[in-house]
């Protein structure tokens, strides 16, 4: 079982220097159709912080501090211009066996 990961920018404190806007939706799926996806349209500093969490979420992992196991909320590392994203996980049936 794999998951499709969709993020939505829900808050910005200050001004995002990468140009993200509140309400912007970003696909964050990192593995799809038996191959790694290329290019996630997210600030590279934010992506660097989120990447370990995306790897866990991609394959059904959960974090006990999140109220909803299918939702993950986190903020970018810029404390003065903090961008907050809400990531929703949707189950997708995939066969990950090598052929």
N, C-alpha and C. Protein backbone atom coordinates (compact mmCIF):
# COMPACT_ATOMS: atom_id res chain seq x y z
N UNK A 1 0.85 -1.18 0.00
CA UNK A 1 0.00 0.00 0.00
C UNK A 1 0.90 1.23 0.00
N UNK A 2 0.58 2.18 -0.82
CA UNK A 2 1.30 3.45 -0.86
C UNK A 2 0.29 4.58 -0.72
N UNK A 3 0.79 5.77 -0.61
CA UNK A 3 -0.06 6.93 -0.39
C UNK A 3 0.29 8.06 -1.35
N UNK A 4 -0.73 8.79 -1.76
CA UNK A 4 -0.53 10.02 -2.49
C UNK A 4 -0.47 11.12 -1.43
N UNK A 5 0.51 11.99 -1.53
CA UNK A 5 0.70 13.06 -0.55
C UNK A 5 0.42 14.41 -1.19
N UNK A 6 -0.55 15.12 -0.66
CA UNK A 6 -0.89 16.46 -1.15
C UNK A 6 -0.74 17.46 0.00
N UNK A 7 0.01 18.52 -0.28
CA UNK A 7 0.21 19.56 0.72
C UNK A 7 -0.55 20.82 0.35
N UNK A 8 -0.96 21.55 1.38
CA UNK A 8 -1.64 22.83 1.16
C UNK A 8 -1.04 23.83 2.14
N UNK A 9 -0.59 24.97 1.62
CA UNK A 9 -0.05 26.02 2.46
C UNK A 9 -1.21 26.63 3.24
N UNK A 10 -1.14 26.56 4.59
CA UNK A 10 -2.27 27.02 5.41
C UNK A 10 -1.97 28.30 6.18
N UNK A 11 -0.69 28.68 6.26
CA UNK A 11 -0.37 29.91 6.99
C UNK A 11 1.02 30.40 6.58
N UNK A 12 1.18 31.70 6.55
CA UNK A 12 2.48 32.32 6.31
C UNK A 12 2.63 33.47 7.28
N UNK A 13 3.69 33.41 8.09
CA UNK A 13 4.00 34.50 9.01
C UNK A 13 5.12 35.30 8.36
N UNK A 14 4.85 36.49 7.91
CA UNK A 14 5.86 37.28 7.19
C UNK A 14 5.67 37.11 5.69
N UNK A 15 6.79 37.01 4.98
CA UNK A 15 6.76 36.88 3.52
C UNK A 15 7.63 35.71 3.10
N UNK A 16 7.08 34.78 2.36
CA UNK A 16 7.83 33.62 1.88
C UNK A 16 8.73 34.05 0.73
N UNK A 17 10.03 33.86 0.90
CA UNK A 17 10.98 34.26 -0.14
C UNK A 17 10.98 33.31 -1.34
N UNK A 18 10.37 32.14 -1.17
CA UNK A 18 10.25 31.20 -2.29
C UNK A 18 8.96 31.45 -3.08
N UNK A 19 8.12 32.38 -2.60
CA UNK A 19 6.91 32.73 -3.33
C UNK A 19 5.69 31.88 -3.04
N UNK A 20 5.73 31.06 -2.00
CA UNK A 20 4.55 30.27 -1.66
C UNK A 20 3.44 31.19 -1.14
N UNK A 21 2.20 30.82 -1.41
CA UNK A 21 1.03 31.61 -1.02
C UNK A 21 0.05 30.74 -0.25
N UNK A 22 -0.70 31.34 0.65
CA UNK A 22 -1.74 30.62 1.39
C UNK A 22 -2.75 30.05 0.39
N UNK A 23 -3.10 28.80 0.58
CA UNK A 23 -4.04 28.11 -0.31
C UNK A 23 -3.37 27.34 -1.43
N UNK A 24 -2.09 27.57 -1.65
CA UNK A 24 -1.36 26.86 -2.70
C UNK A 24 -1.33 25.37 -2.39
N UNK A 25 -1.58 24.54 -3.40
CA UNK A 25 -1.55 23.10 -3.24
C UNK A 25 -0.36 22.54 -3.99
N UNK A 26 0.33 21.59 -3.35
CA UNK A 26 1.56 21.03 -3.90
C UNK A 26 1.53 19.52 -3.75
N UNK A 27 1.75 18.79 -4.84
CA UNK A 27 1.84 17.34 -4.72
C UNK A 27 3.21 17.00 -4.14
N UNK A 28 3.22 16.18 -3.10
CA UNK A 28 4.45 15.84 -2.39
C UNK A 28 4.77 14.35 -2.46
N UNK A 29 4.05 13.60 -3.30
CA UNK A 29 4.31 12.18 -3.46
C UNK A 29 5.74 12.01 -3.96
N UNK A 30 6.51 11.12 -3.30
CA UNK A 30 7.90 10.95 -3.71
C UNK A 30 8.15 9.65 -4.47
N UNK A 31 7.19 8.72 -4.42
CA UNK A 31 7.34 7.43 -5.10
C UNK A 31 6.00 7.06 -5.69
N UNK A 32 5.94 6.83 -7.00
CA UNK A 32 4.67 6.57 -7.68
C UNK A 32 4.92 5.65 -8.87
N UNK A 33 4.01 4.75 -9.13
CA UNK A 33 4.08 3.85 -10.28
C UNK A 33 5.41 3.11 -10.34
N UNK A 34 5.85 2.59 -9.20
CA UNK A 34 7.08 1.81 -9.10
C UNK A 34 8.35 2.57 -9.47
N UNK A 35 8.32 3.88 -9.35
CA UNK A 35 9.54 4.65 -9.59
C UNK A 35 9.52 5.93 -8.76
N UNK A 36 10.68 6.47 -8.54
CA UNK A 36 10.81 7.70 -7.79
C UNK A 36 10.37 8.86 -8.68
N UNK A 37 9.58 9.78 -8.12
CA UNK A 37 9.14 10.95 -8.88
C UNK A 37 10.25 11.98 -8.90
N UNK A 38 10.23 12.83 -9.90
CA UNK A 38 11.23 13.88 -10.01
C UNK A 38 10.57 15.24 -9.85
N UNK A 39 11.22 16.09 -9.08
CA UNK A 39 10.80 17.47 -8.98
C UNK A 39 9.55 17.71 -8.15
N UNK A 40 9.74 18.13 -6.93
CA UNK A 40 8.65 18.58 -6.08
C UNK A 40 8.74 20.10 -6.02
N UNK A 41 7.65 20.77 -6.34
CA UNK A 41 7.64 22.23 -6.44
C UNK A 41 7.47 22.88 -5.07
N UNK A 42 8.50 22.73 -4.23
CA UNK A 42 8.49 23.27 -2.88
C UNK A 42 9.86 23.88 -2.61
N UNK A 43 9.88 24.95 -1.84
CA UNK A 43 11.13 25.57 -1.43
C UNK A 43 12.13 24.48 -1.00
N UNK A 44 13.36 24.50 -1.51
CA UNK A 44 14.30 23.43 -1.19
C UNK A 44 14.65 23.34 0.30
N UNK A 45 14.64 24.45 1.02
CA UNK A 45 14.92 24.42 2.45
C UNK A 45 13.78 23.72 3.21
N UNK A 46 12.56 23.99 2.78
CA UNK A 46 11.37 23.37 3.39
C UNK A 46 11.34 21.88 3.04
N UNK A 47 11.63 21.56 1.78
CA UNK A 47 11.64 20.17 1.34
C UNK A 47 12.70 19.38 2.12
N UNK A 48 13.86 19.98 2.35
CA UNK A 48 14.91 19.31 3.10
C UNK A 48 14.42 18.94 4.50
N UNK A 49 13.67 19.84 5.13
CA UNK A 49 13.14 19.57 6.47
C UNK A 49 12.06 18.49 6.42
N UNK A 50 11.20 18.53 5.40
CA UNK A 50 10.06 17.61 5.31
C UNK A 50 10.41 16.22 4.79
N UNK A 51 11.51 16.09 4.05
CA UNK A 51 11.77 14.85 3.33
C UNK A 51 11.72 13.59 4.19
N UNK A 52 12.34 13.54 5.38
CA UNK A 52 12.23 12.31 6.19
C UNK A 52 10.78 11.98 6.55
N UNK A 53 9.97 12.99 6.82
CA UNK A 53 8.56 12.77 7.15
C UNK A 53 7.80 12.26 5.92
N UNK A 54 8.10 12.81 4.74
CA UNK A 54 7.45 12.36 3.51
C UNK A 54 7.74 10.88 3.25
N UNK A 55 8.99 10.47 3.52
CA UNK A 55 9.35 9.05 3.33
C UNK A 55 8.50 8.15 4.22
N UNK A 56 8.29 8.55 5.46
CA UNK A 56 7.47 7.76 6.39
C UNK A 56 6.01 7.75 5.92
N UNK A 57 5.47 8.93 5.61
CA UNK A 57 4.07 9.04 5.21
C UNK A 57 3.77 8.30 3.91
N UNK A 58 4.73 8.30 2.98
CA UNK A 58 4.55 7.68 1.68
C UNK A 58 4.11 6.23 1.78
N UNK A 59 4.58 5.53 2.81
CA UNK A 59 4.29 4.11 2.93
C UNK A 59 3.44 3.77 4.15
N UNK A 60 2.67 4.74 4.63
CA UNK A 60 1.67 4.46 5.65
C UNK A 60 2.11 4.68 7.09
N UNK A 61 3.32 5.20 7.29
CA UNK A 61 3.76 5.48 8.65
C UNK A 61 2.97 6.64 9.25
N UNK A 62 2.98 6.70 10.56
CA UNK A 62 2.23 7.74 11.27
C UNK A 62 3.10 8.35 12.36
N UNK A 63 2.67 9.50 12.85
CA UNK A 63 3.37 10.18 13.93
C UNK A 63 2.39 10.35 15.09
N UNK A 64 2.74 9.86 16.28
CA UNK A 64 1.78 9.84 17.39
C UNK A 64 1.34 11.22 17.86
N UNK A 65 2.09 12.26 17.56
CA UNK A 65 1.71 13.60 18.00
C UNK A 65 0.69 14.26 17.07
N UNK A 66 0.39 13.65 15.93
CA UNK A 66 -0.61 14.19 15.02
C UNK A 66 -1.98 13.62 15.40
N UNK A 67 -3.00 14.46 15.47
CA UNK A 67 -4.34 14.02 15.87
C UNK A 67 -4.96 13.07 14.86
N UNK A 68 -4.80 13.37 13.57
CA UNK A 68 -5.35 12.56 12.48
C UNK A 68 -4.19 11.82 11.82
N UNK A 69 -4.20 10.48 11.76
CA UNK A 69 -3.08 9.75 11.18
C UNK A 69 -2.87 10.00 9.69
N UNK A 70 -3.87 10.57 9.01
CA UNK A 70 -3.74 10.85 7.58
C UNK A 70 -3.40 12.31 7.30
N UNK A 71 -3.07 13.06 8.35
CA UNK A 71 -2.74 14.48 8.18
C UNK A 71 -1.47 14.78 8.97
N UNK A 72 -0.56 15.51 8.33
CA UNK A 72 0.68 15.93 8.98
C UNK A 72 0.84 17.43 8.76
N UNK A 73 1.09 18.17 9.82
CA UNK A 73 1.25 19.63 9.74
C UNK A 73 2.64 19.99 10.24
N UNK A 74 3.35 20.83 9.46
CA UNK A 74 4.68 21.26 9.86
C UNK A 74 4.96 22.63 9.24
N UNK A 75 6.00 23.28 9.74
CA UNK A 75 6.38 24.61 9.27
C UNK A 75 7.82 24.60 8.78
N UNK A 76 8.13 25.53 7.89
CA UNK A 76 9.47 25.64 7.33
C UNK A 76 10.45 26.12 8.41
N UNK A 77 11.74 26.00 8.13
CA UNK A 77 12.74 26.37 9.14
C UNK A 77 12.99 27.87 9.29
N UNK A 78 12.36 28.71 8.50
CA UNK A 78 12.56 30.16 8.59
C UNK A 78 11.63 30.74 9.66
N UNK A 79 12.16 31.02 10.84
CA UNK A 79 11.33 31.51 11.95
C UNK A 79 10.74 32.89 11.70
N UNK A 80 11.40 33.73 10.92
CA UNK A 80 10.90 35.09 10.68
C UNK A 80 9.86 35.14 9.57
N UNK A 81 9.88 34.17 8.68
CA UNK A 81 8.94 34.12 7.55
C UNK A 81 8.39 32.70 7.45
N UNK A 82 7.79 32.23 8.52
CA UNK A 82 7.38 30.83 8.65
C UNK A 82 6.17 30.48 7.78
N UNK A 83 6.35 29.44 6.96
CA UNK A 83 5.30 28.90 6.11
C UNK A 83 4.86 27.57 6.73
N UNK A 84 3.54 27.38 6.88
CA UNK A 84 3.01 26.15 7.46
C UNK A 84 2.25 25.39 6.38
N UNK A 85 2.50 24.09 6.32
CA UNK A 85 1.86 23.23 5.32
C UNK A 85 1.09 22.12 6.02
N UNK A 86 -0.04 21.76 5.42
CA UNK A 86 -0.86 20.64 5.89
C UNK A 86 -0.80 19.58 4.81
N UNK A 87 -0.31 18.39 5.16
CA UNK A 87 -0.14 17.31 4.20
C UNK A 87 -1.19 16.24 4.47
N UNK A 88 -1.94 15.89 3.43
CA UNK A 88 -2.95 14.84 3.54
C UNK A 88 -2.48 13.62 2.77
N UNK A 89 -2.66 12.45 3.37
CA UNK A 89 -2.27 11.18 2.77
C UNK A 89 -3.52 10.45 2.30
N UNK A 90 -3.51 10.03 1.04
CA UNK A 90 -4.62 9.27 0.47
C UNK A 90 -4.09 7.92 0.03
N UNK A 91 -4.73 6.83 0.47
CA UNK A 91 -4.28 5.48 0.11
C UNK A 91 -4.41 5.25 -1.39
N UNK A 92 -3.36 4.63 -1.95
CA UNK A 92 -3.34 4.25 -3.36
C UNK A 92 -2.80 2.84 -3.42
N UNK A 93 -3.53 1.94 -4.05
CA UNK A 93 -3.08 0.54 -4.16
C UNK A 93 -1.97 0.46 -5.19
N UNK A 94 -0.81 -0.03 -4.79
CA UNK A 94 0.32 -0.18 -5.71
C UNK A 94 0.99 -1.53 -5.47
N UNK A 95 1.58 -2.07 -6.50
CA UNK A 95 2.38 -3.28 -6.39
C UNK A 95 3.83 -2.86 -6.51
N UNK A 96 4.59 -2.96 -5.41
CA UNK A 96 5.96 -2.49 -5.41
C UNK A 96 6.97 -3.62 -5.64
N UNK A 97 6.52 -4.75 -6.11
CA UNK A 97 7.45 -5.87 -6.38
C UNK A 97 8.24 -5.57 -7.64
N UNK A 98 9.52 -5.93 -7.57
CA UNK A 98 10.37 -5.75 -8.76
C UNK A 98 10.03 -6.83 -9.78
N UNK A 99 10.09 -6.44 -11.02
CA UNK A 99 9.77 -7.39 -12.11
C UNK A 99 11.01 -7.78 -12.82
